Amino acid sequence: MARKKASVDFEQSLADLQTLVERLENGELSLEDSLAAFEQGIGLTRDCQAALAQAEQKVQVLLERDGELTQEPFDAEQPE
């Protein structure tokens, strides 16, 4: 269940980040509110980057064979 929680956290962080960007682009926030939103966005961006880095590491571990990393084509459209 921890995997599902991490996925939900990433998806929620990404959605929150998109909302913040929309608010900032709208231009109706005060300077103080814009800075607070920007600061929150930086934190969300770091959280998303960390989750993506962790996912990349898991993929590398799964692809490792005989102590060597092998590259394999990725096709998101085709189920296994």
C-alpha atoms as a PDB file:
ATOM      1  CA  MET A   1       0.000   0.000   0.000  1.00  0.00           C
ATOM      2  CA  ALA A   2       3.007   2.326   0.419  1.00  0.00           C
ATOM      3  CA  ARG A   3       3.471   2.401  -3.345  1.00  0.00           C
ATOM      4  CA  LYS A   4      -0.074   3.606  -3.903  1.00  0.00           C
ATOM      5  CA  LYS A   5       0.364   6.324  -1.261  1.00  0.00           C
ATOM      6  CA  ALA A   6       3.562   7.566  -2.929  1.00  0.00           C
ATOM      7  CA  SER A   7       1.806   7.634  -6.306  1.00  0.00           C
ATOM      8  CA  VAL A   8      -1.133   9.566  -4.869  1.00  0.00           C
ATOM      9  CA  ASP A   9       1.243  12.007  -3.165  1.00  0.00           C
ATOM     10  CA  PHE A  10       3.045  12.613  -6.478  1.00  0.00           C
ATOM     11  CA  GLU A  11      -0.212  13.096  -8.351  1.00  0.00           C
ATOM     12  CA  GLN A  12      -1.562  15.419  -5.651  1.00  0.00           C
ATOM     13  CA  SER A  13       1.673  17.422  -5.533  1.00  0.00           C
ATOM     14  CA  LEU A  14       1.624  17.790  -9.302  1.00  0.00           C
ATOM     15  CA  ALA A  15      -2.027  18.913  -9.276  1.00  0.00           C
ATOM     16  CA  ASP A  16      -1.300  21.400  -6.484  1.00  0.00           C
ATOM     17  CA  LEU A  17       1.681  22.721  -8.436  1.00  0.00           C
ATOM     18  CA  GLN A  18      -0.451  23.205 -11.555  1.00  0.00           C
ATOM     19  CA  THR A  19      -3.034  25.111  -9.507  1.00  0.00           C
ATOM     20  CA  LEU A  20      -0.327  27.367  -8.070  1.00  0.00           C
ATOM     21  CA  VAL A  21       1.055  28.087 -11.532  1.00  0.00           C
ATOM     22  CA  GLU A  22      -2.403  29.025 -12.775  1.00  0.00           C
ATOM     23  CA  ARG A  23      -2.896  31.376  -9.820  1.00  0.00           C
ATOM     24  CA  LEU A  24       0.486  33.012 -10.417  1.00  0.00           C
ATOM     25  CA  GLU A  25      -0.123  33.370 -14.150  1.00  0.00           C
ATOM     26  CA  ASN A  26      -3.510  34.935 -13.470  1.00  0.00           C
ATOM     27  CA  GLY A  27      -1.701  37.929 -11.973  1.00  0.00           C
ATOM     28  CA  GLU A  28      -4.345  38.756  -9.387  1.00  0.00           C
ATOM     29  CA  LEU A  29      -2.271  37.810  -6.329  1.00  0.00           C
ATOM     30  CA  SER A  30      -0.562  40.430  -4.216  1.00  0.00           C
ATOM     31  CA  LEU A  31       3.222  40.429  -4.120  1.00  0.00           C
ATOM     32  CA  GLU A  32       3.209  38.781  -0.695  1.00  0.00           C
ATOM     33  CA  ASP A  33       0.759  36.087  -1.812  1.00  0.00           C
ATOM     34  CA  SER A  34       2.746  35.549  -5.022  1.00  0.00           C
ATOM     35  CA  LEU A  35       5.939  35.009  -3.046  1.00  0.00           C
ATOM     36  CA  ALA A  36       4.203  32.571  -0.695  1.00  0.00           C
ATOM     37  CA  ALA A  37       2.739  30.670  -3.661  1.00  0.00           C
ATOM     38  CA  PHE A  38       6.152  30.622  -5.350  1.00  0.00           C
ATOM     39  CA  GLU A  39       7.782  29.264  -2.196  1.00  0.00           C
ATOM     40  CA  GLN A  40       5.128  26.567  -1.916  1.00  0.00           C
ATOM     41  CA  GLY A  41       5.628  25.735  -5.598  1.00  0.00           C
ATOM     42  CA  ILE A  42       9.367  25.282  -5.086  1.00  0.00           C
ATOM     43  CA  GLY A  43       8.660  22.791  -2.315  1.00  0.00           C
ATOM     44  CA  LEU A  44       6.163  20.892  -4.454  1.00  0.00           C
ATOM     45  CA  THR A  45       8.623  20.843  -7.358  1.00  0.00           C
ATOM     46  CA  ARG A  46      11.313  19.343  -5.135  1.00  0.00           C
ATOM     47  CA  ASP A  47       8.870  16.726  -3.843  1.00  0.00           C
ATOM     48  CA  CYS A  48       7.925  15.756  -7.408  1.00  0.00           C
ATOM     49  CA  GLN A  49      11.567  15.610  -8.509  1.00  0.00           C
ATOM     50  CA  ALA A  50      12.426  13.381  -5.554  1.00  0.00           C
ATOM     51  CA  ALA A  51       9.532  11.031  -6.345  1.00  0.00           C
ATOM     52  CA  LEU A  52      10.609  10.829  -9.997  1.00  0.00           C
ATOM     53  CA  ALA A  53      14.236  10.166  -9.026  1.00  0.00           C
ATOM     54  CA  GLN A  54      13.118   7.388  -6.691  1.00  0.00           C
ATOM     55  CA  ALA A  55      10.976   5.858  -9.440  1.00  0.00           C
ATOM     56  CA  GLU A  56      13.922   6.021 -11.851  1.00  0.00           C
ATOM     57  CA  GLN A  57      16.129   4.217  -9.326  1.00  0.00           C
ATOM     58  CA  LYS A  58      13.520   1.478  -8.918  1.00  0.00           C
ATOM     59  CA  VAL A  59      13.351   1.031 -12.692  1.00  0.00           C
ATOM     60  CA  GLN A  60      17.147   0.763 -12.863  1.00  0.00           C
ATOM     61  CA  VAL A  61      17.153  -1.886 -10.149  1.00  0.00           C
ATOM     62  CA  LEU A  62      14.472  -3.840 -11.982  1.00  0.00           C
ATOM     63  CA  LEU A  63      16.408  -3.679 -15.249  1.00  0.00           C
ATOM     64  CA  GLU A  64      19.744  -4.672 -13.721  1.00  0.00           C
ATOM     65  CA  ARG A  65      20.857  -8.100 -14.834  1.00  0.00           C
ATOM     66  CA  ASP A  66      24.059  -9.885 -13.818  1.00  0.00           C
ATOM     67  CA  GLY A  67      25.413  -6.754 -12.169  1.00  0.00           C
ATOM     68  CA  GLU A  68      25.054  -4.645 -15.308  1.00  0.00           C
ATOM     69  CA  LEU A  69      22.405  -2.154 -16.236  1.00  0.00           C
ATOM     70  CA  THR A  70      20.755  -3.005 -19.529  1.00  0.00           C
ATOM     71  CA  GLN A  71      18.780  -0.592 -21.625  1.00  0.00           C
ATOM     72  CA  GLU A  72      15.426  -1.738 -22.913  1.00  0.00           C
ATOM     73  CA  PRO A  73      12.947   0.173 -25.058  1.00  0.00           C
ATOM     74  CA  PHE A  74       9.969   1.576 -23.222  1.00  0.00           C
ATOM     75  CA  ASP A  75       6.560   1.659 -24.838  1.00  0.00           C
ATOM     76  CA  ALA A  76       3.859   2.977 -22.522  1.00  0.00           C
ATOM     77  CA  GLU A  77       1.145   2.021 -25.010  1.00  0.00           C
ATOM     78  CA  GLN A  78       1.795  -1.729 -24.953  1.00  0.00           C
ATOM     79  CA  PRO A  79       0.726  -3.730 -21.886  1.00  0.00           C
ATOM     80  CA  GLU A  80       3.004  -6.614 -20.898  1.00  0.00           C
END
